[in-house]
Structure formats: structure tokens, C-alpha cells
Amino acid sequence: MAFRLFIEILKRKEISVLVILLIVISFFYSLQPVFLSTSNTDALRRITPELSIPALGITMLMITGEFDLSIGSVFGFTPILAATLMDTGINAWVSISFSLLICCLIGAIHGIITTKANIPSFITTLGGMLIWRGAALAITGGMPKYFHVPPEIANILTRSITGSISFHVQELWLITLTIVFSIILFRHKFGNWMLATGGNKEAARALGINTSKVKTLCFMLCSLMAGFGGIMQSTRLAAALPNQGDGLEFDAIAAAVIGGTSLYGGSGTIIGTVIGGYLSRVIENGLVIIRAPSYYYRLYIGIIIIIAVIMNLYLQRRAMKVRG
């Protein structure tokens, strides 16, 4: 019984990245014990959801076999749009809601172009990345905008709750979305449609699944999560920056891949993506703590991606071999 449980654990895609995360934490702590100080871990817990929430969206999309390189630009464009609307006197709730609605429209445009025109999503969203970043720069003239929201909105998005166990509202959002997306992916028929679409699109169509609709909805979800993450970050910073989210698309894809989501579609894990998001932020923060050059971050993330993919494949093959 115990041996069978061990085999099942080995098959979990999240295990390898969790092991890597613990190793990385131990490494940075051994070099600089302040890495696990209350103030530093508190900062990590506060900012990591801003990456992980968009990464959840990209995970759902990658499972269908598509990519979205525009999420970093959407991450920055959305709070710029909301701040611009609020500057004209429009209610903050309406401004933010409208901006998030535009995110869904952006995702729908990307999805329709990709599925109806048969253009690879890499090309479609590469164009989107330039368009929405350019729009943010055009609106602001390259200057940051003040992002002021009423306390009730700030409390919903970024408030810290202290008590016997302190936590941040951002963490609560991440936990909630992780549960919701996990239920959709593994307990709802739409999740089955996603997995089937990414695994074998033609077979999915033969089963009566509207694969174009499934992909378009996932594009919309991906853009929505990116915009929501951008609004969350701007609320915390009280500013909307035209270069906000620069490079986020690569960090989000890295978090998904590190967490065990297939680059080819058809399989993925929500919890693994969350762990991958924390791993990315731990590496970035750890390099700052030990005063390493900032450009090392991309180097290490690239190495970690390769190691994580190799470990995932090895553990899966090993588990299947032992089981067989």
C-alpha cells in the first residue's frame, strides 16, 4: 500500500518543481539567512500573486495548445486604461470593470484571429504584445499615471490582514482562483474539452467539441487574468506604469512550464503553476538578497525550466516503468 502511494506521488508533476523550490530556498538561506526573515517572506507573499494569477490564465490557454505573448502588455495596458478613465471623473468601480471587460475583448480578438484565420497564436499575440504596449505608451506619453482607488477597492485587492496568522488579500485571491481553475480543469466538462482540444484537436472535433470556441474562451480568460493582475499591482503601487508587466509573458509561461504544463498542449497542472510562480519570484528575490547581478535572473530561470522539464519527464517515465 505504501509503495503504491509512493508510485502515485512520483507521477505528480508538481513534485519535481516543489523539490526544486525547497532546494533553492535552502540555497539562498545558507548564503544569506535574512532571506527567510519575516519582512522578506512577507514581501514575497505580497508580490508573487501578481505573477501567479496571470500564469494561471496562460496555463489554461497552453493546455488547449496555444500561447499568449501579449499578457505582459495587457498587464500594463489595463491599469493605464482604468487610470485614464478615472482621471475623466468616471467612477473607479466602473473604470476598473470596463477595463477588465476590454481585457476579455482583447482575448476574444486574439482567439478569433487565431482560430478563424488559422494564424499561429505566437504570431497573433506577438502583434498584440506590440499593439497594447504601444497603446499604453501612446496614452501616457511614456509617463506614469497616478492610480488612486477608493479604500473599499484597495481593501478588496491588496489589504493585509493581521492576527494570529497574517496574510494578504492577494494570497486569498490566488488561492481562490487556484481552486476554481482546478475544479474547472478536472471536475467540469469544459476542462475535459480543454484537455481534448489540446491533446488532439481533430479527435475533439469528431466528438462534437467546438475547439475554436474553447480556445477563444481560454484566450479571453488569459487576458482577463493578466488585466486583473495589473490592476492588483497598480493598486499596491498607487501608480500605473507604461512599462508595467514588461517580460511578464515569459515569466508566466516559465511558471507554467516549470510547474508541469506541456508545451504541446493536452496536459497541465494549476497547482504546479502556482509553485512555479513562487519559484520564479524566490529566485529573483534571492539574487537581490545576495547582491548578484540582476541579469542572472533570466539565466537561472532558463536553467530551471530545462531541469524541471527533464525531471518531470524522468519521474513520469520512472513511475510508469515501475508500475508496469
C-alpha atoms as a PDB file:
ATOM      1  CA  MET A   1       0.000   0.000   0.000  1.00  0.00           C
ATOM      2  CA  ALA A   2       2.784   2.418   0.975  1.00  0.00           C
ATOM      3  CA  PHE A   3       4.772   1.507  -2.134  1.00  0.00           C
ATOM      4  CA  ARG A   4       1.789   2.118  -4.405  1.00  0.00           C
ATOM      5  CA  LEU A   5       1.243   5.503  -2.743  1.00  0.00           C
ATOM      6  CA  PHE A   6       4.900   6.347  -3.360  1.00  0.00           C
ATOM      7  CA  ILE A   7       4.495   5.491  -7.048  1.00  0.00           C
ATOM      8  CA  GLU A   8       1.427   7.686  -7.318  1.00  0.00           C
ATOM      9  CA  ILE A   9       3.315  10.565  -5.696  1.00  0.00           C
ATOM     10  CA  LEU A  10       6.129  10.169  -8.213  1.00  0.00           C
ATOM     11  CA  LYS A  11       3.629  10.602 -11.029  1.00  0.00           C
ATOM     12  CA  ARG A  12       2.560  14.029  -9.781  1.00  0.00           C
ATOM     13  CA  LYS A  13       4.005  16.761 -11.976  1.00  0.00           C
ATOM     14  CA  GLU A  14       4.138  19.196  -9.064  1.00  0.00           C
ATOM     15  CA  ILE A  15       6.592  17.102  -7.047  1.00  0.00           C
ATOM     16  CA  SER A  16       9.757  17.887  -9.022  1.00  0.00           C
ATOM     17  CA  VAL A  17       9.187  21.642  -9.034  1.00  0.00           C
ATOM     18  CA  LEU A  18       8.357  21.580  -5.316  1.00  0.00           C
ATOM     19  CA  VAL A  19      11.651  19.805  -4.664  1.00  0.00           C
ATOM     20  CA  ILE A  20      13.478  22.430  -6.722  1.00  0.00           C
ATOM     21  CA  LEU A  21      11.724  25.222  -4.812  1.00  0.00           C
ATOM     22  CA  LEU A  22      12.817  23.788  -1.457  1.00  0.00           C
ATOM     23  CA  ILE A  23      16.385  23.373  -2.716  1.00  0.00           C
ATOM     24  CA  VAL A  24      16.508  26.962  -3.983  1.00  0.00           C
ATOM     25  CA  ILE A  25      15.101  28.322  -0.707  1.00  0.00           C
ATOM     26  CA  SER A  26      17.690  26.352   1.264  1.00  0.00           C
ATOM     27  CA  PHE A  27      20.467  27.584  -1.034  1.00  0.00           C
ATOM     28  CA  PHE A  28      19.643  31.271  -0.616  1.00  0.00           C
ATOM     29  CA  TYR A  29      19.082  30.854   3.119  1.00  0.00           C
ATOM     30  CA  SER A  30      22.502  29.233   3.504  1.00  0.00           C
ATOM     31  CA  LEU A  31      24.112  32.207   1.760  1.00  0.00           C
ATOM     32  CA  GLN A  32      22.048  34.890   3.463  1.00  0.00           C
ATOM     33  CA  PRO A  33      19.812  33.932   6.442  1.00  0.00           C
ATOM     34  CA  VAL A  34      17.914  37.215   6.109  1.00  0.00           C
ATOM     35  CA  PHE A  35      16.289  35.623   3.056  1.00  0.00           C
ATOM     36  CA  LEU A  36      13.774  33.914   5.373  1.00  0.00           C
ATOM     37  CA  SER A  37      13.257  36.949   7.580  1.00  0.00           C
ATOM     38  CA  THR A  38       9.687  37.967   8.288  1.00  0.00           C
ATOM     39  CA  SER A  39       9.935  41.166   6.258  1.00  0.00           C
ATOM     40  CA  ASN A  40      11.361  39.432   3.195  1.00  0.00           C
ATOM     41  CA  THR A  41       8.942  36.493   3.187  1.00  0.00           C
ATOM     42  CA  ASP A  42       6.102  38.946   3.733  1.00  0.00           C
ATOM     43  CA  ALA A  43       7.167  40.889   0.649  1.00  0.00           C
ATOM     44  CA  LEU A  44       7.400  37.678  -1.391  1.00  0.00           C
ATOM     45  CA  ARG A  45       3.918  36.623  -0.344  1.00  0.00           C
ATOM     46  CA  ARG A  46       2.546  40.029  -1.283  1.00  0.00           C
ATOM     47  CA  ILE A  47       4.002  40.324  -4.796  1.00  0.00           C
ATOM     48  CA  THR A  48       4.006  36.715  -6.036  1.00  0.00           C
ATOM     49  CA  PRO A  49       0.238  36.529  -6.735  1.00  0.00           C
ATOM     50  CA  GLU A  50       0.692  39.367  -9.227  1.00  0.00           C
ATOM     51  CA  LEU A  51       2.718  36.935 -11.368  1.00  0.00           C
ATOM     52  CA  SER A  52       0.919  33.732 -10.494  1.00  0.00           C
ATOM     53  CA  ILE A  53      -2.588  34.947 -11.350  1.00  0.00           C
ATOM     54  CA  PRO A  54      -1.665  35.751 -14.996  1.00  0.00           C
ATOM     55  CA  ALA A  55       0.283  32.474 -15.042  1.00  0.00           C
ATOM     56  CA  LEU A  56      -2.934  30.620 -14.167  1.00  0.00           C
ATOM     57  CA  GLY A  57      -4.565  32.131 -17.240  1.00  0.00           C
ATOM     58  CA  ILE A  58      -1.663  31.213 -19.514  1.00  0.00           C
ATOM     59  CA  THR A  59      -1.754  27.666 -18.114  1.00  0.00           C
ATOM     60  CA  MET A  60      -5.389  27.220 -19.105  1.00  0.00           C
ATOM     61  CA  LEU A  61      -4.587  28.515 -22.593  1.00  0.00           C
ATOM     62  CA  MET A  62      -1.460  26.379 -23.020  1.00  0.00           C
ATOM     63  CA  ILE A  63      -3.463  23.285 -22.136  1.00  0.00           C
ATOM     64  CA  THR A  64      -5.523  23.944 -25.284  1.00  0.00           C
ATOM     65  CA  GLY A  65      -2.296  24.079 -27.291  1.00  0.00           C
ATOM     66  CA  GLU A  66      -1.987  27.864 -27.687  1.00  0.00           C
ATOM     67  CA  PHE A  67       0.250  30.675 -26.365  1.00  0.00           C
ATOM     68  CA  ASP A  68      -0.311  34.318 -25.494  1.00  0.00           C
ATOM     69  CA  LEU A  69       2.715  36.602 -25.694  1.00  0.00           C
ATOM     70  CA  SER A  70       0.588  39.713 -25.122  1.00  0.00           C
ATOM     71  CA  ILE A  71      -0.260  39.212 -21.445  1.00  0.00           C
ATOM     72  CA  GLY A  72       2.621  41.403 -20.247  1.00  0.00           C
ATOM     73  CA  SER A  73       1.349  44.258 -22.406  1.00  0.00           C
ATOM     74  CA  VAL A  74      -2.266  43.668 -21.315  1.00  0.00           C
ATOM     75  CA  PHE A  75      -0.999  43.610 -17.712  1.00  0.00           C
ATOM     76  CA  GLY A  76       0.352  47.141 -18.210  1.00  0.00           C
ATOM     77  CA  PHE A  77      -2.364  48.493 -20.526  1.00  0.00           C
ATOM     78  CA  THR A  78      -5.324  47.631 -18.284  1.00  0.00           C
ATOM     79  CA  PRO A  79      -4.435  49.830 -15.275  1.00  0.00           C
ATOM     80  CA  ILE A  80      -3.393  52.626 -17.674  1.00  0.00           C
ATOM     81  CA  LEU A  81      -6.856  52.499 -19.234  1.00  0.00           C
ATOM     82  CA  ALA A  82      -8.559  52.382 -15.834  1.00  0.00           C
ATOM     83  CA  ALA A  83      -6.485  55.306 -14.526  1.00  0.00           C
ATOM     84  CA  THR A  84      -7.277  57.346 -17.658  1.00  0.00           C
ATOM     85  CA  LEU A  85     -10.996  56.739 -17.225  1.00  0.00           C
ATOM     86  CA  MET A  86     -10.832  57.679 -13.540  1.00  0.00           C
ATOM     87  CA  ASP A  87      -8.997  60.898 -14.469  1.00  0.00           C
ATOM     88  CA  THR A  88     -12.031  61.908 -16.543  1.00  0.00           C
ATOM     89  CA  GLY A  89     -14.240  61.568 -13.463  1.00  0.00           C
ATOM     90  CA  ILE A  90     -15.695  58.137 -14.142  1.00  0.00           C
ATOM     91  CA  ASN A  91     -16.400  56.062 -11.030  1.00  0.00           C
ATOM     92  CA  ALA A  92     -13.468  53.793 -10.033  1.00  0.00           C
ATOM     93  CA  TRP A  93     -15.658  50.676  -9.944  1.00  0.00           C
ATOM     94  CA  VAL A  94     -16.966  51.404 -13.430  1.00  0.00           C
ATOM     95  CA  SER A  95     -13.484  52.256 -14.746  1.00  0.00           C
ATOM     96  CA  ILE A  96     -11.931  49.039 -13.464  1.00  0.00           C
ATOM     97  CA  SER A  97     -14.871  46.889 -14.554  1.00  0.00           C
ATOM     98  CA  PHE A  98     -14.836  48.410 -18.036  1.00  0.00           C
ATOM     99  CA  SER A  99     -11.071  47.912 -18.305  1.00  0.00           C
ATOM    100  CA  LEU A 100     -11.396  44.241 -17.373  1.00  0.00           C
ATOM    101  CA  LEU A 101     -14.194  43.910 -19.920  1.00  0.00           C
ATOM    102  CA  ILE A 102     -11.803  45.309 -22.538  1.00  0.00           C
ATOM    103  CA  CYS A 103      -9.340  42.585 -21.487  1.00  0.00           C
ATOM    104  CA  CYS A 104     -11.948  39.985 -22.390  1.00  0.00           C
ATOM    105  CA  LEU A 105     -12.476  41.717 -25.734  1.00  0.00           C
ATOM    106  CA  ILE A 106      -8.720  41.691 -26.372  1.00  0.00           C
ATOM    107  CA  GLY A 107      -8.614  37.963 -25.651  1.00  0.00           C
ATOM    108  CA  ALA A 108     -11.610  37.380 -27.913  1.00  0.00           C
ATOM    109  CA  ILE A 109      -9.898  39.251 -30.755  1.00  0.00           C
ATOM    110  CA  HIS A 110      -6.745  37.181 -30.343  1.00  0.00           C
ATOM    111  CA  GLY A 111      -8.771  33.968 -30.196  1.00  0.00           C
ATOM    112  CA  ILE A 112     -10.920  34.736 -33.230  1.00  0.00           C
ATOM    113  CA  ILE A 113      -7.936  35.757 -35.361  1.00  0.00           C
ATOM    114  CA  THR A 114      -6.030  32.633 -34.324  1.00  0.00           C
ATOM    115  CA  THR A 115      -8.856  30.152 -34.834  1.00  0.00           C
ATOM    116  CA  LYS A 116     -10.694  31.660 -37.805  1.00  0.00           C
ATOM    117  CA  ALA A 117      -7.729  32.901 -39.826  1.00  0.00           C
ATOM    118  CA  ASN A 118      -5.581  29.885 -38.889  1.00  0.00           C
ATOM    119  CA  ILE A 119      -2.737  32.167 -37.820  1.00  0.00           C
ATOM    120  CA  PRO A 120      -0.412  30.702 -35.164  1.00  0.00           C
ATOM    121  CA  SER A 121      -1.146  32.204 -31.751  1.00  0.00           C
ATOM    122  CA  PHE A 122       2.542  33.009 -31.437  1.00  0.00           C
ATOM    123  CA  ILE A 123       2.218  35.484 -34.328  1.00  0.00           C
ATOM    124  CA  THR A 124      -1.214  36.806 -33.331  1.00  0.00           C
ATOM    125  CA  THR A 125      -0.241  37.590 -29.763  1.00  0.00           C
ATOM    126  CA  LEU A 126       3.217  38.851 -30.728  1.00  0.00           C
ATOM    127  CA  GLY A 127       1.371  41.519 -32.698  1.00  0.00           C
ATOM    128  CA  GLY A 128      -0.935  42.037 -29.723  1.00  0.00           C
ATOM    129  CA  MET A 129       2.071  42.448 -27.430  1.00  0.00           C
ATOM    130  CA  LEU A 130       3.310  45.358 -29.551  1.00  0.00           C
ATOM    131  CA  ILE A 131      -0.137  46.886 -30.051  1.00  0.00           C
ATOM    132  CA  TRP A 132      -1.195  47.018 -26.393  1.00  0.00           C
ATOM    133  CA  ARG A 133       2.216  48.143 -25.168  1.00  0.00           C
ATOM    134  CA  GLY A 134       2.186  50.827 -27.831  1.00  0.00           C
ATOM    135  CA  ALA A 135      -1.317  51.863 -26.751  1.00  0.00           C
ATOM    136  CA  ALA A 136      -0.164  52.241 -23.138  1.00  0.00           C
ATOM    137  CA  LEU A 137       2.774  54.383 -24.231  1.00  0.00           C
ATOM    138  CA  ALA A 138       0.566  56.464 -26.527  1.00  0.00           C
ATOM    139  CA  ILE A 139      -1.968  57.163 -23.779  1.00  0.00           C
ATOM    140  CA  THR A 140       0.622  58.158 -21.185  1.00  0.00           C
ATOM    141  CA  GLY A 141       3.332  59.640 -23.387  1.00  0.00           C
ATOM    142  CA  GLY A 142       5.692  57.274 -21.602  1.00  0.00           C
ATOM    143  CA  MET A 143       4.962  58.827 -18.205  1.00  0.00           C
ATOM    144  CA  PRO A 144       3.485  57.017 -15.168  1.00  0.00           C
ATOM    145  CA  LYS A 145      -0.068  57.770 -14.100  1.00  0.00           C
ATOM    146  CA  TYR A 146      -1.325  58.104 -10.540  1.00  0.00           C
ATOM    147  CA  PHE A 147      -3.600  55.174  -9.707  1.00  0.00           C
ATOM    148  CA  HIS A 148      -5.897  56.187  -6.871  1.00  0.00           C
ATOM    149  CA  VAL A 149      -8.804  53.951  -5.906  1.00  0.00           C
ATOM    150  CA  PRO A 150     -11.259  54.193  -3.008  1.00  0.00           C
ATOM    151  CA  PRO A 151     -10.313  52.319   0.193  1.00  0.00           C
ATOM    152  CA  GLU A 152     -13.016  49.697  -0.381  1.00  0.00           C
ATOM    153  CA  ILE A 153     -11.397  48.682  -3.674  1.00  0.00           C
ATOM    154  CA  ALA A 154      -7.897  48.733  -2.222  1.00  0.00           C
ATOM    155  CA  ASN A 155      -9.083  46.557   0.662  1.00  0.00           C
ATOM    156  CA  ILE A 156     -10.526  44.011  -1.751  1.00  0.00           C
ATOM    157  CA  LEU A 157      -7.329  43.801  -3.809  1.00  0.00           C
ATOM    158  CA  THR A 158      -4.298  44.479  -1.613  1.00  0.00           C
ATOM    159  CA  ARG A 159      -5.223  44.687   2.063  1.00  0.00           C
ATOM    160  CA  SER A 160      -3.055  42.928   4.643  1.00  0.00           C
ATOM    161  CA  ILE A 161      -4.895  41.116   7.415  1.00  0.00           C
ATOM    162  CA  THR A 162      -3.046  40.679  10.677  1.00  0.00           C
ATOM    163  CA  GLY A 163      -3.905  38.365  13.523  1.00  0.00           C
ATOM    164  CA  SER A 164      -2.722  35.048  14.884  1.00  0.00           C
ATOM    165  CA  ILE A 165      -1.950  34.254  11.219  1.00  0.00           C
ATOM    166  CA  SER A 166      -1.307  37.241   8.970  1.00  0.00           C
ATOM    167  CA  PHE A 167      -1.935  37.087   5.250  1.00  0.00           C
ATOM    168  CA  HIS A 168      -2.551  39.345   2.282  1.00  0.00           C
ATOM    169  CA  VAL A 169      -5.735  39.585   0.253  1.00  0.00           C
ATOM    170  CA  GLN A 170      -3.625  38.876  -2.851  1.00  0.00           C
ATOM    171  CA  GLU A 171      -2.899  35.433  -1.432  1.00  0.00           C
ATOM    172  CA  LEU A 172      -6.600  34.845  -0.857  1.00  0.00           C
ATOM    173  CA  TRP A 173      -7.323  35.751  -4.489  1.00  0.00           C
ATOM    174  CA  LEU A 174      -4.608  33.367  -5.667  1.00  0.00           C
ATOM    175  CA  ILE A 175      -5.884  30.515  -3.501  1.00  0.00           C
ATOM    176  CA  THR A 176      -9.472  31.082  -4.628  1.00  0.00           C
ATOM    177  CA  LEU A 177      -8.579  31.225  -8.321  1.00  0.00           C
ATOM    178  CA  THR A 178      -6.353  28.156  -7.980  1.00  0.00           C
ATOM    179  CA  ILE A 179      -9.264  26.186  -6.520  1.00  0.00           C
ATOM    180  CA  VAL A 180     -11.737  27.476  -9.130  1.00  0.00           C
ATOM    181  CA  PHE A 181      -9.427  26.737 -12.066  1.00  0.00           C
ATOM    182  CA  SER A 182      -8.569  23.303 -10.689  1.00  0.00           C
ATOM    183  CA  ILE A 183     -12.267  22.474 -10.410  1.00  0.00           C
ATOM    184  CA  ILE A 184     -12.895  23.704 -13.962  1.00  0.00           C
ATOM    185  CA  LEU A 185      -9.963  21.735 -15.341  1.00  0.00           C
ATOM    186  CA  PHE A 186     -10.503  18.425 -13.551  1.00  0.00           C
ATOM    187  CA  ARG A 187     -14.138  18.423 -12.421  1.00  0.00           C
ATOM    188  CA  HIS A 188     -16.046  20.258 -15.171  1.00  0.00           C
ATOM    189  CA  LYS A 189     -16.864  19.302 -18.733  1.00  0.00           C
ATOM    190  CA  PHE A 190     -15.202  22.482 -20.022  1.00  0.00           C
ATOM    191  CA  GLY A 191     -11.937  21.242 -18.553  1.00  0.00           C
ATOM    192  CA  ASN A 192     -12.401  17.974 -20.429  1.00  0.00           C
ATOM    193  CA  TRP A 193     -12.983  19.976 -23.612  1.00  0.00           C
ATOM    194  CA  MET A 194      -9.754  21.922 -22.970  1.00  0.00           C
ATOM    195  CA  LEU A 195      -7.701  18.781 -22.438  1.00  0.00           C
ATOM    196  CA  ALA A 196      -9.229  17.117 -25.500  1.00  0.00           C
ATOM    197  CA  THR A 197      -8.661  20.218 -27.653  1.00  0.00           C
ATOM    198  CA  GLY A 198      -5.020  20.458 -26.669  1.00  0.00           C
ATOM    199  CA  GLY A 199      -4.419  16.720 -26.839  1.00  0.00           C
ATOM    200  CA  ASN A 200      -5.908  16.058 -30.270  1.00  0.00           C
ATOM    201  CA  LYS A 201      -7.920  18.823 -31.901  1.00  0.00           C
ATOM    202  CA  GLU A 202      -9.259  16.700 -34.746  1.00  0.00           C
ATOM    203  CA  ALA A 203     -10.396  13.949 -32.388  1.00  0.00           C
ATOM    204  CA  ALA A 204     -12.047  16.567 -30.185  1.00  0.00           C
ATOM    205  CA  ARG A 205     -13.927  17.946 -33.168  1.00  0.00           C
ATOM    206  CA  ALA A 206     -15.043  14.445 -34.065  1.00  0.00           C
ATOM    207  CA  LEU A 207     -16.541  14.188 -30.584  1.00  0.00           C
ATOM    208  CA  GLY A 208     -18.564  17.336 -31.214  1.00  0.00           C
ATOM    209  CA  ILE A 209     -16.375  19.770 -29.271  1.00  0.00           C
ATOM    210  CA  ASN A 210     -16.250  23.310 -30.662  1.00  0.00           C
ATOM    211  CA  THR A 211     -12.483  23.659 -30.375  1.00  0.00           C
ATOM    212  CA  SER A 212     -12.459  27.220 -31.749  1.00  0.00           C
ATOM    213  CA  LYS A 213     -14.885  28.331 -29.041  1.00  0.00           C
ATOM    214  CA  VAL A 214     -12.891  26.564 -26.334  1.00  0.00           C
ATOM    215  CA  LYS A 215      -9.663  28.246 -27.416  1.00  0.00           C
ATOM    216  CA  THR A 216     -11.276  31.669 -27.755  1.00  0.00           C
ATOM    217  CA  LEU A 217     -12.758  31.448 -24.251  1.00  0.00           C
ATOM    218  CA  CYS A 218      -9.328  30.492 -22.897  1.00  0.00           C
ATOM    219  CA  PHE A 219      -7.754  33.460 -24.708  1.00  0.00           C
ATOM    220  CA  MET A 220     -10.343  35.681 -23.015  1.00  0.00           C
ATOM    221  CA  LEU A 221      -9.639  34.118 -19.621  1.00  0.00           C
ATOM    222  CA  CYS A 222      -5.907  34.561 -20.151  1.00  0.00           C
ATOM    223  CA  SER A 223      -6.238  38.274 -20.941  1.00  0.00           C
ATOM    224  CA  LEU A 224      -8.663  38.771 -18.049  1.00  0.00           C
ATOM    225  CA  MET A 225      -6.217  37.266 -15.560  1.00  0.00           C
ATOM    226  CA  ALA A 226      -3.411  39.434 -16.959  1.00  0.00           C
ATOM    227  CA  GLY A 227      -5.515  42.571 -16.615  1.00  0.00           C
ATOM    228  CA  PHE A 228      -6.623  41.641 -13.125  1.00  0.00           C
ATOM    229  CA  GLY A 229      -3.008  41.097 -12.074  1.00  0.00           C
ATOM    230  CA  GLY A 230      -2.103  44.511 -13.500  1.00  0.00           C
ATOM    231  CA  ILE A 231      -4.928  46.223 -11.624  1.00  0.00           C
ATOM    232  CA  MET A 232      -3.804  44.491  -8.439  1.00  0.00           C
ATOM    233  CA  GLN A 233      -0.204  45.620  -8.850  1.00  0.00           C
ATOM    234  CA  SER A 234      -1.151  49.221  -9.681  1.00  0.00           C
ATOM    235  CA  THR A 235      -3.399  49.323  -6.634  1.00  0.00           C
ATOM    236  CA  ARG A 236      -0.465  48.235  -4.474  1.00  0.00           C
ATOM    237  CA  LEU A 237       1.914  50.725  -6.096  1.00  0.00           C
ATOM    238  CA  ALA A 238      -0.681  53.520  -6.396  1.00  0.00           C
ATOM    239  CA  ALA A 239       0.685  54.022  -9.910  1.00  0.00           C
ATOM    240  CA  ALA A 240       0.106  52.735 -13.427  1.00  0.00           C
ATOM    241  CA  LEU A 241       3.349  52.464 -15.390  1.00  0.00           C
ATOM    242  CA  PRO A 242       3.507  52.240 -19.205  1.00  0.00           C
ATOM    243  CA  ASN A 243       6.239  49.565 -18.990  1.00  0.00           C
ATOM    244  CA  GLN A 244       4.441  47.626 -16.268  1.00  0.00           C
ATOM    245  CA  GLY A 245       4.470  43.879 -16.888  1.00  0.00           C
ATOM    246  CA  ASP A 246       7.408  44.062 -19.275  1.00  0.00           C
ATOM    247  CA  GLY A 247       8.640  40.481 -19.691  1.00  0.00           C
ATOM    248  CA  LEU A 248       5.740  39.068 -17.674  1.00  0.00           C
ATOM    249  CA  GLU A 249       4.682  36.863 -20.571  1.00  0.00           C
ATOM    250  CA  PHE A 250       7.935  34.934 -20.367  1.00  0.00           C
ATOM    251  CA  ASP A 251       7.796  34.682 -16.575  1.00  0.00           C
ATOM    252  CA  ALA A 252       4.214  33.386 -16.730  1.00  0.00           C
ATOM    253  CA  ILE A 253       4.998  30.827 -19.427  1.00  0.00           C
ATOM    254  CA  ALA A 254       8.085  29.785 -17.448  1.00  0.00           C
ATOM    255  CA  ALA A 255       5.969  29.305 -14.305  1.00  0.00           C
ATOM    256  CA  ALA A 256       3.514  27.132 -16.240  1.00  0.00           C
ATOM    257  CA  VAL A 257       6.205  25.039 -17.928  1.00  0.00           C
ATOM    258  CA  ILE A 258       8.221  24.663 -14.728  1.00  0.00           C
ATOM    259  CA  GLY A 259       5.034  23.583 -12.975  1.00  0.00           C
ATOM    260  CA  GLY A 260       4.457  20.764 -15.447  1.00  0.00           C
ATOM    261  CA  THR A 261       2.235  22.189 -18.182  1.00  0.00           C
ATOM    262  CA  SER A 262       3.016  20.692 -21.567  1.00  0.00           C
ATOM    263  CA  LEU A 263       4.362  22.955 -24.285  1.00  0.00           C
ATOM    264  CA  TYR A 264       2.365  20.885 -26.776  1.00  0.00           C
ATOM    265  CA  GLY A 265      -0.999  21.142 -25.030  1.00  0.00           C
ATOM    266  CA  GLY A 266      -3.263  18.454 -23.654  1.00  0.00           C
ATOM    267  CA  SER A 267      -1.954  18.404 -20.092  1.00  0.00           C
ATOM    268  CA  GLY A 268      -1.182  20.786 -17.274  1.00  0.00           C
ATOM    269  CA  THR A 269      -1.472  21.445 -13.587  1.00  0.00           C
ATOM    270  CA  ILE A 270      -2.778  24.528 -11.823  1.00  0.00           C
ATOM    271  CA  ILE A 271      -1.040  23.873  -8.510  1.00  0.00           C
ATOM    272  CA  GLY A 272       2.236  23.256 -10.336  1.00  0.00           C
ATOM    273  CA  THR A 273       1.939  26.663 -11.988  1.00  0.00           C
ATOM    274  CA  VAL A 274       1.473  28.335  -8.605  1.00  0.00           C
ATOM    275  CA  ILE A 275       4.582  26.589  -7.277  1.00  0.00           C
ATOM    276  CA  GLY A 276       6.423  27.606 -10.450  1.00  0.00           C
ATOM    277  CA  GLY A 277       5.360  31.210  -9.887  1.00  0.00           C
ATOM    278  CA  TYR A 278       6.745  31.154  -6.365  1.00  0.00           C
ATOM    279  CA  LEU A 279       9.951  29.566  -7.630  1.00  0.00           C
ATOM    280  CA  SER A 280      10.449  32.373 -10.155  1.00  0.00           C
ATOM    281  CA  ARG A 281       9.931  35.063  -7.532  1.00  0.00           C
ATOM    282  CA  VAL A 282      12.119  33.260  -4.979  1.00  0.00           C
ATOM    283  CA  ILE A 283      14.994  33.159  -7.486  1.00  0.00           C
ATOM    284  CA  GLU A 284      14.532  36.821  -8.393  1.00  0.00           C
ATOM    285  CA  ASN A 285      14.333  37.889  -4.747  1.00  0.00           C
ATOM    286  CA  GLY A 286      17.184  35.644  -3.669  1.00  0.00           C
ATOM    287  CA  LEU A 287      19.515  37.135  -6.271  1.00  0.00           C
ATOM    288  CA  VAL A 288      18.706  40.578  -4.923  1.00  0.00           C
ATOM    289  CA  ILE A 289      19.327  39.460  -1.343  1.00  0.00           C
ATOM    290  CA  ILE A 290      22.764  38.022  -2.141  1.00  0.00           C
ATOM    291  CA  ARG A 291      23.518  41.066  -4.354  1.00  0.00           C
ATOM    292  CA  ALA A 292      24.041  39.080  -7.523  1.00  0.00           C
ATOM    293  CA  PRO A 293      23.821  40.902 -10.895  1.00  0.00           C
ATOM    294  CA  SER A 294      20.183  41.263 -11.921  1.00  0.00           C
ATOM    295  CA  TYR A 295      20.786  39.757 -15.373  1.00  0.00           C
ATOM    296  CA  TYR A 296      21.499  36.397 -13.725  1.00  0.00           C
ATOM    297  CA  TYR A 297      17.763  36.014 -13.160  1.00  0.00           C
ATOM    298  CA  ARG A 298      16.973  35.131 -16.786  1.00  0.00           C
ATOM    299  CA  LEU A 299      19.944  32.784 -16.872  1.00  0.00           C
ATOM    300  CA  TYR A 300      18.781  30.827 -13.826  1.00  0.00           C
ATOM    301  CA  ILE A 301      15.137  30.748 -14.927  1.00  0.00           C
ATOM    302  CA  GLY A 302      16.237  29.239 -18.241  1.00  0.00           C
ATOM    303  CA  ILE A 303      18.262  26.595 -16.430  1.00  0.00           C
ATOM    304  CA  ILE A 304      15.387  25.836 -14.060  1.00  0.00           C
ATOM    305  CA  ILE A 305      12.960  25.415 -16.972  1.00  0.00           C
ATOM    306  CA  ILE A 306      15.211  22.814 -18.574  1.00  0.00           C
ATOM    307  CA  ILE A 307      15.799  20.995 -15.264  1.00  0.00           C
ATOM    308  CA  ALA A 308      12.089  20.998 -14.403  1.00  0.00           C
ATOM    309  CA  VAL A 309      11.069  19.584 -17.782  1.00  0.00           C
ATOM    310  CA  ILE A 310      13.745  16.873 -17.586  1.00  0.00           C
ATOM    311  CA  MET A 311      12.773  15.939 -14.018  1.00  0.00           C
ATOM    312  CA  ASN A 312       9.083  15.819 -14.889  1.00  0.00           C
ATOM    313  CA  LEU A 313       9.725  13.529 -17.840  1.00  0.00           C
ATOM    314  CA  TYR A 314      12.104  11.329 -15.834  1.00  0.00           C
ATOM    315  CA  LEU A 315       9.751  10.940 -12.873  1.00  0.00           C
ATOM    316  CA  GLN A 316       6.795  10.151 -15.113  1.00  0.00           C
ATOM    317  CA  ARG A 317       8.722   7.554 -17.117  1.00  0.00           C
ATOM    318  CA  ARG A 318      10.218   6.058 -13.954  1.00  0.00           C
ATOM    319  CA  ALA A 319       6.818   5.801 -12.317  1.00  0.00           C
ATOM    320  CA  MET A 320       5.276   4.172 -15.392  1.00  0.00           C
ATOM    321  CA  LYS A 321       8.193   1.744 -15.675  1.00  0.00           C
ATOM    322  CA  VAL A 322       7.940   0.661 -12.037  1.00  0.00           C
ATOM    323  CA  ARG A 323       4.173   0.414 -12.280  1.00  0.00           C
ATOM    324  CA  GLY A 324       4.427  -1.640 -15.455  1.00  0.00           C
END
